[in-house]
C-alpha atoms as a PDB file:
ATOM      1  CA  MET A   1     215.311  42.680 -19.433  1.00  0.00           C
ATOM      2  CA  LEU A   2     211.678  41.781 -19.890  1.00  0.00           C
ATOM      3  CA  GLU A   3     212.514  38.261 -18.994  1.00  0.00           C
ATOM      4  CA  ARG A   4     214.263  39.388 -15.868  1.00  0.00           C
ATOM      5  CA  THR A   5     211.269  41.548 -14.880  1.00  0.00           C
ATOM      6  CA  SER A   6     208.858  38.632 -15.348  1.00  0.00           C
ATOM      7  CA  VAL A   7     211.100  36.387 -13.210  1.00  0.00           C
ATOM      8  CA  THR A   8     211.240  39.074 -10.525  1.00  0.00           C
ATOM      9  CA  ALA A   9     207.467  39.522 -10.693  1.00  0.00           C
ATOM     10  CA  SER A  10     207.036  35.752 -10.365  1.00  0.00           C
ATOM     11  CA  TRP A  11     209.241  35.734  -7.313  1.00  0.00           C
ATOM     12  CA  VAL A  12     207.332  38.632  -5.841  1.00  0.00           C
ATOM     13  CA  TRP A  13     204.032  36.703  -6.290  1.00  0.00           C
ATOM     14  CA  ILE A  14     205.551  33.552  -4.846  1.00  0.00           C
ATOM     15  CA  LEU A  15     206.968  35.500  -1.919  1.00  0.00           C
ATOM     16  CA  ALA A  16     203.595  37.224  -1.393  1.00  0.00           C
ATOM     17  CA  ALA A  17     201.788  33.849  -1.459  1.00  0.00           C
ATOM     18  CA  VAL A  18     204.268  32.398   1.044  1.00  0.00           C
ATOM     19  CA  LEU A  19     203.786  35.439   3.303  1.00  0.00           C
ATOM     20  CA  VAL A  20     199.976  35.149   3.109  1.00  0.00           C
ATOM     21  CA  ILE A  21     200.130  31.421   3.882  1.00  0.00           C
ATOM     22  CA  GLY A  22     202.540  32.126   6.758  1.00  0.00           C
ATOM     23  CA  MET A  23     200.223  34.822   8.147  1.00  0.00           C
ATOM     24  CA  ILE A  24     197.240  32.452   7.922  1.00  0.00           C
ATOM     25  CA  LEU A  25     199.156  29.705   9.770  1.00  0.00           C
ATOM     26  CA  ILE A  26     200.347  32.151  12.443  1.00  0.00           C
ATOM     27  CA  GLY A  27     196.793  33.473  12.893  1.00  0.00           C
ATOM     28  CA  TYR A  28     195.395  29.936  13.161  1.00  0.00           C
ATOM     29  CA  ARG A  29     198.053  28.923  15.693  1.00  0.00           C
ATOM     30  CA  SER A  30     197.466  32.126  17.715  1.00  0.00           C
ATOM     31  CA  SER A  31     193.741  31.395  17.757  1.00  0.00           C
ATOM     32  CA  GLN A  32     194.362  27.847  19.028  1.00  0.00           C
ATOM     33  CA  THR A  33     196.782  29.074  21.672  1.00  0.00           C
ATOM     34  CA  GLN A  34     194.312  31.755  22.785  1.00  0.00           C
ATOM     35  CA  HIS A  35     191.540  29.154  23.048  1.00  0.00           C
ATOM     36  CA  GLN A  36     193.770  26.815  25.090  1.00  0.00           C
ATOM     37  CA  PHE A  37     194.786  29.711  27.324  1.00  0.00           C
ATOM     38  CA  GLU A  38     191.151  30.685  27.942  1.00  0.00           C
ATOM     39  CA  THR A  39     190.261  27.060  28.701  1.00  0.00           C
ATOM     40  CA  ALA A  40     193.130  26.785  31.181  1.00  0.00           C
ATOM     41  CA  GLN A  41     192.110  30.060  32.830  1.00  0.00           C
ATOM     42  CA  SER A  42     188.552  28.810  33.130  1.00  0.00           C
ATOM     43  CA  GLU A  43     189.752  25.561  34.720  1.00  0.00           C
ATOM     44  CA  LEU A  44     192.000  27.508  37.087  1.00  0.00           C
ATOM     45  CA  GLU A  45     189.121  29.750  38.163  1.00  0.00           C
ATOM     46  CA  SER A  46     186.932  26.701  38.686  1.00  0.00           C
ATOM     47  CA  ALA A  47     189.649  25.046  40.773  1.00  0.00           C
ATOM     48  CA  LYS A  48     190.097  28.243  42.792  1.00  0.00           C
ATOM     49  CA  GLN A  49     186.367  28.314  43.506  1.00  0.00           C
ATOM     50  CA  VAL A  50     186.430  24.653  44.541  1.00  0.00           C
ATOM     51  CA  ALA A  51     189.416  25.316  46.788  1.00  0.00           C
ATOM     52  CA  LYS A  52     187.748  28.402  48.246  1.00  0.00           C
ATOM     53  CA  LYS A  53     184.596  26.383  48.954  1.00  0.00           C
ATOM     54  CA  ALA A  54     186.649  23.560  50.480  1.00  0.00           C
ATOM     55  CA  ASN A  55     188.514  26.063  52.657  1.00  0.00           C
ATOM     56  CA  ALA A  56     185.234  27.608  53.774  1.00  0.00           C
ATOM     57  CA  GLU A  57     183.846  24.163  54.609  1.00  0.00           C
ATOM     58  CA  ARG A  58     187.063  23.261  56.389  1.00  0.00           C
ATOM     59  CA  ASN A  59     186.961  26.488  58.393  1.00  0.00           C
ATOM     60  CA  GLU A  60     183.309  25.917  59.258  1.00  0.00           C
ATOM     61  CA  LEU A  61     183.966  22.338  60.327  1.00  0.00           C
ATOM     62  CA  GLN A  62     187.103  23.414  62.199  1.00  0.00           C
ATOM     63  CA  THR A  63     185.010  25.990  64.085  1.00  0.00           C
ATOM     64  CA  LYS A  64     182.363  23.373  64.832  1.00  0.00           C
ATOM     65  CA  PHE A  65     185.082  20.942  65.862  1.00  0.00           C
ATOM     66  CA  ASP A  66     186.713  23.538  68.122  1.00  0.00           C
ATOM     67  CA  ASP A  67     183.347  24.416  69.668  1.00  0.00           C
ATOM     68  CA  THR A  68     182.466  20.748  70.138  1.00  0.00           C
ATOM     69  CA  LEU A  69     185.914  20.030  71.518  1.00  0.00           C
ATOM     70  CA  ALA A  70     185.699  22.932  73.967  1.00  0.00           C
ATOM     71  CA  GLU A  71     182.212  21.902  75.019  1.00  0.00           C
ATOM     72  CA  THR A  72     183.271  18.270  75.326  1.00  0.00           C
ATOM     73  CA  GLN A  73     186.321  19.206  77.354  1.00  0.00           C
ATOM     74  CA  THR A  74     184.177  21.375  79.623  1.00  0.00           C
ATOM     75  CA  GLN A  75     181.701  18.543  80.064  1.00  0.00           C
ATOM     76  CA  LEU A  76     184.530  16.081  80.641  1.00  0.00           C
ATOM     77  CA  GLU A  77     186.117  18.340  83.247  1.00  0.00           C
ATOM     78  CA  ALA A  78     182.729  18.779  84.945  1.00  0.00           C
ATOM     79  CA  ALA A  79     182.156  15.017  84.836  1.00  0.00           C
ATOM     80  CA  GLN A  80     185.632  14.392  86.243  1.00  0.00           C
ATOM     81  CA  GLY A  81     184.919  16.896  89.020  1.00  0.00           C
ATOM     82  CA  GLU A  82     181.634  15.175  89.791  1.00  0.00           C
ATOM     83  CA  LEU A  83     183.387  11.807  89.674  1.00  0.00           C
ATOM     84  CA  GLU A  84     186.039  13.026  92.089  1.00  0.00           C
ATOM     85  CA  LEU A  85     183.349  14.362  94.417  1.00  0.00           C
ATOM     86  CA  ALA A  86     181.494  11.062  94.152  1.00  0.00           C
ATOM     87  CA  LYS A  87     184.692   9.161  94.952  1.00  0.00           C
ATOM     88  CA  GLN A  88     185.316  11.383  97.962  1.00  0.00           C
ATOM     89  CA  ALA A  89     181.726  10.893  99.090  1.00  0.00           C
ATOM     90  CA  ALA A  90     182.125   7.139  98.638  1.00  0.00           C
ATOM     91  CA  GLU A  91     185.325   7.160 100.689  1.00  0.00           C
ATOM     92  CA  GLN A  92     183.613   9.234 103.342  1.00  0.00           C
ATOM     93  CA  VAL A  93     180.620   6.880 103.361  1.00  0.00           C
ATOM     94  CA  LYS A  94     182.955   3.899 103.546  1.00  0.00           C
ATOM     95  CA  ALA A  95     184.787   5.461 106.474  1.00  0.00           C
ATOM     96  CA  GLU A  96     181.494   6.204 108.206  1.00  0.00           C
ATOM     97  CA  ARG A  97     180.351   2.645 107.554  1.00  0.00           C
ATOM     98  CA  ASN A  98     183.538   1.293 109.117  1.00  0.00           C
ATOM     99  CA  VAL A  99     183.063   3.505 112.164  1.00  0.00           C
ATOM    100  CA  LEU A 100     179.457   2.412 112.483  1.00  0.00           C
ATOM    101  CA  GLN A 101     180.412  -1.229 112.157  1.00  0.00           C
ATOM    102  CA  THR A 102     182.923  -0.832 114.965  1.00  0.00           C
ATOM    103  CA  ARG A 103     180.307   0.775 117.142  1.00  0.00           C
ATOM    104  CA  LEU A 104     177.874  -2.001 116.266  1.00  0.00           C
ATOM    105  CA  ASP A 105     180.400  -4.630 117.357  1.00  0.00           C
ATOM    106  CA  GLU A 106     181.069  -2.831 120.651  1.00  0.00           C
ATOM    107  CA  THR A 107     177.386  -2.400 121.438  1.00  0.00           C
ATOM    108  CA  ALA A 108     176.613  -6.122 120.868  1.00  0.00           C
ATOM    109  CA  SER A 109     178.177  -6.966 124.266  1.00  0.00           C
ATOM    110  CA  GLU A 110     176.468  -4.116 126.152  1.00  0.00           C
ATOM    111  CA  THR A 111     173.242  -4.268 128.096  1.00  0.00           C
ATOM    112  CA  LYS A 112     169.657  -3.993 126.998  1.00  0.00           C
ATOM    113  CA  SER A 113     169.701  -0.183 127.232  1.00  0.00           C
ATOM    114  CA  VAL A 114     172.570  -0.070 124.783  1.00  0.00           C
ATOM    115  CA  GLN A 115     170.596  -2.272 122.383  1.00  0.00           C
ATOM    116  CA  SER A 116     168.104   0.564 121.808  1.00  0.00           C
ATOM    117  CA  GLU A 117     171.052   2.717 120.757  1.00  0.00           C
ATOM    118  CA  LEU A 118     172.126  -0.130 118.468  1.00  0.00           C
ATOM    119  CA  SER A 119     168.854  -0.027 116.537  1.00  0.00           C
ATOM    120  CA  GLY A 120     169.410   3.704 115.882  1.00  0.00           C
ATOM    121  CA  THR A 121     172.914   2.976 114.666  1.00  0.00           C
ATOM    122  CA  GLN A 122     171.597   0.270 112.359  1.00  0.00           C
ATOM    123  CA  SER A 123     169.171   2.781 110.851  1.00  0.00           C
ATOM    124  CA  ARG A 124     172.043   5.164 110.182  1.00  0.00           C
ATOM    125  CA  LEU A 125     174.033   2.293 108.667  1.00  0.00           C
ATOM    126  CA  GLU A 126     171.185   1.461 106.299  1.00  0.00           C
ATOM    127  CA  ALA A 127     170.887   5.119 105.288  1.00  0.00           C
ATOM    128  CA  THR A 128     174.642   5.240 104.702  1.00  0.00           C
ATOM    129  CA  GLN A 129     174.531   2.076 102.598  1.00  0.00           C
ATOM    130  CA  SER A 130     171.681   3.594 100.589  1.00  0.00           C
ATOM    131  CA  GLU A 131     173.813   6.690 100.006  1.00  0.00           C
ATOM    132  CA  LEU A 132     176.703   4.425  99.014  1.00  0.00           C
ATOM    133  CA  LYS A 133     174.507   2.653  96.451  1.00  0.00           C
ATOM    134  CA  GLN A 134     173.373   6.007  95.076  1.00  0.00           C
ATOM    135  CA  ALA A 135     176.963   7.219  94.922  1.00  0.00           C
ATOM    136  CA  LYS A 136     178.019   4.043  93.079  1.00  0.00           C
ATOM    137  CA  ALA A 137     175.164   4.480  90.600  1.00  0.00           C
ATOM    138  CA  ARG A 138     176.238   8.100  90.035  1.00  0.00           C
ATOM    139  CA  VAL A 139     179.858   7.010  89.512  1.00  0.00           C
ATOM    140  CA  ALA A 140     178.728   4.450  86.906  1.00  0.00           C
ATOM    141  CA  GLU A 141     176.601   7.100  85.173  1.00  0.00           C
ATOM    142  CA  LEU A 142     179.506   9.576  85.102  1.00  0.00           C
ATOM    143  CA  GLU A 143     181.861   6.926  83.686  1.00  0.00           C
ATOM    144  CA  SER A 144     179.337   6.155  80.954  1.00  0.00           C
ATOM    145  CA  LYS A 145     179.026   9.854  80.153  1.00  0.00           C
ATOM    146  CA  ALA A 146     182.818  10.217  79.975  1.00  0.00           C
ATOM    147  CA  ASN A 147     183.006   7.258  77.544  1.00  0.00           C
ATOM    148  CA  SER A 148     180.299   8.836  75.367  1.00  0.00           C
ATOM    149  CA  LEU A 149     182.161  12.160  75.284  1.00  0.00           C
ATOM    150  CA  ASN A 150     185.381  10.405  74.278  1.00  0.00           C
ATOM    151  CA  SER A 151     183.534   8.695  71.418  1.00  0.00           C
ATOM    152  CA  GLU A 152     182.169  12.038  70.180  1.00  0.00           C
ATOM    153  CA  LEU A 153     185.658  13.508  70.325  1.00  0.00           C
ATOM    154  CA  GLN A 154     187.040  10.675  68.169  1.00  0.00           C
ATOM    155  CA  THR A 155     184.237  11.167  65.608  1.00  0.00           C
ATOM    156  CA  ALA A 156     184.961  14.907  65.362  1.00  0.00           C
ATOM    157  CA  ASP A 157     188.683  14.172  64.902  1.00  0.00           C
ATOM    158  CA  GLY A 158     187.872  11.746  62.024  1.00  0.00           C
ATOM    159  CA  GLN A 159     185.822  14.499  60.306  1.00  0.00           C
ATOM    160  CA  ARG A 160     188.713  16.945  60.680  1.00  0.00           C
ATOM    161  CA  ILE A 161     191.089  14.436  59.061  1.00  0.00           C
ATOM    162  CA  ASP A 162     188.655  13.924  56.126  1.00  0.00           C
ATOM    163  CA  LEU A 163     188.526  17.691  55.552  1.00  0.00           C
ATOM    164  CA  GLN A 164     192.292  17.979  55.605  1.00  0.00           C
ATOM    165  CA  THR A 165     192.501  15.217  52.983  1.00  0.00           C
ATOM    166  CA  LYS A 166     190.012  17.024  50.734  1.00  0.00           C
ATOM    167  CA  LEU A 167     191.916  20.277  51.108  1.00  0.00           C
ATOM    168  CA  ALA A 168     195.187  18.565  50.167  1.00  0.00           C
ATOM    169  CA  GLN A 169     193.520  17.131  47.042  1.00  0.00           C
ATOM    170  CA  ALA A 170     192.185  20.556  46.070  1.00  0.00           C
ATOM    171  CA  ASP A 171     195.645  22.101  46.588  1.00  0.00           C
ATOM    172  CA  ALA A 172     197.168  19.393  44.352  1.00  0.00           C
ATOM    173  CA  GLU A 173     194.597  20.082  41.630  1.00  0.00           C
ATOM    174  CA  ILE A 174     195.339  23.837  41.787  1.00  0.00           C
ATOM    175  CA  ALA A 175     199.064  23.130  41.489  1.00  0.00           C
ATOM    176  CA  ARG A 176     198.439  20.876  38.478  1.00  0.00           C
ATOM    177  CA  LEU A 177     196.321  23.506  36.757  1.00  0.00           C
ATOM    178  CA  LYS A 178     198.877  26.229  37.471  1.00  0.00           C
ATOM    179  CA  THR A 179     201.571  24.073  35.895  1.00  0.00           C
ATOM    180  CA  ALA A 180     199.416  23.462  32.843  1.00  0.00           C
ATOM    181  CA  LEU A 181     198.703  27.191  32.558  1.00  0.00           C
ATOM    182  CA  GLU A 182     202.385  28.045  32.803  1.00  0.00           C
ATOM    183  CA  GLN A 183     203.187  25.527  30.067  1.00  0.00           C
ATOM    184  CA  LEU A 184     200.577  27.074  27.803  1.00  0.00           C
ATOM    185  CA  GLN A 185     201.864  30.563  28.485  1.00  0.00           C
ATOM    186  CA  ARG A 186     205.479  29.696  27.597  1.00  0.00           C
ATOM    187  CA  PRO A 187     206.466  30.764  24.083  1.00  0.00           C
ATOM    188  CA  GLU A 188     206.747  27.706  21.883  1.00  0.00           C
ATOM    189  CA  ASN A 189     209.965  27.134  19.924  1.00  0.00           C
ATOM    190  CA  PRO A 190     209.237  26.961  16.157  1.00  0.00           C
END
């Protein structure tokens, strides 16, 4: 019976040693898992902050873009209105010039008294041609301004596209980190 008691005691010590070793291994593994979990949470928080910052920048740039776009559209509409007015003025000047030319041709065959009237008509023609030149210069200036506004609009659109790309990259990074966190949180099969 003594022999049986010593065998049982030996088994109890062996079992106790195995349990202690098992507890140590479980504690070590739990510590590693906890550390990995904390690291993943830290990375996720960092990614959230980056995404939040990117969203804020995107919103700020979107607001600037919208403001610039609205301003540009307003300026473009004003320029188009001025251009239309200039075109109408040019057409009106051209029509007046044609009328004056007709009168000039008719008065060439008239008498000396009519020639004094012709000199007045020529003065009006010169003034009209001066107005036509000014109107043409204004049309050229307005076309140049419209081209400049279109260029600014294209630049703002390129910036918006760059921001959308950055936001998509940040979203992808968040998704990757979430996946990694979920994998770390899953219970591992022994």
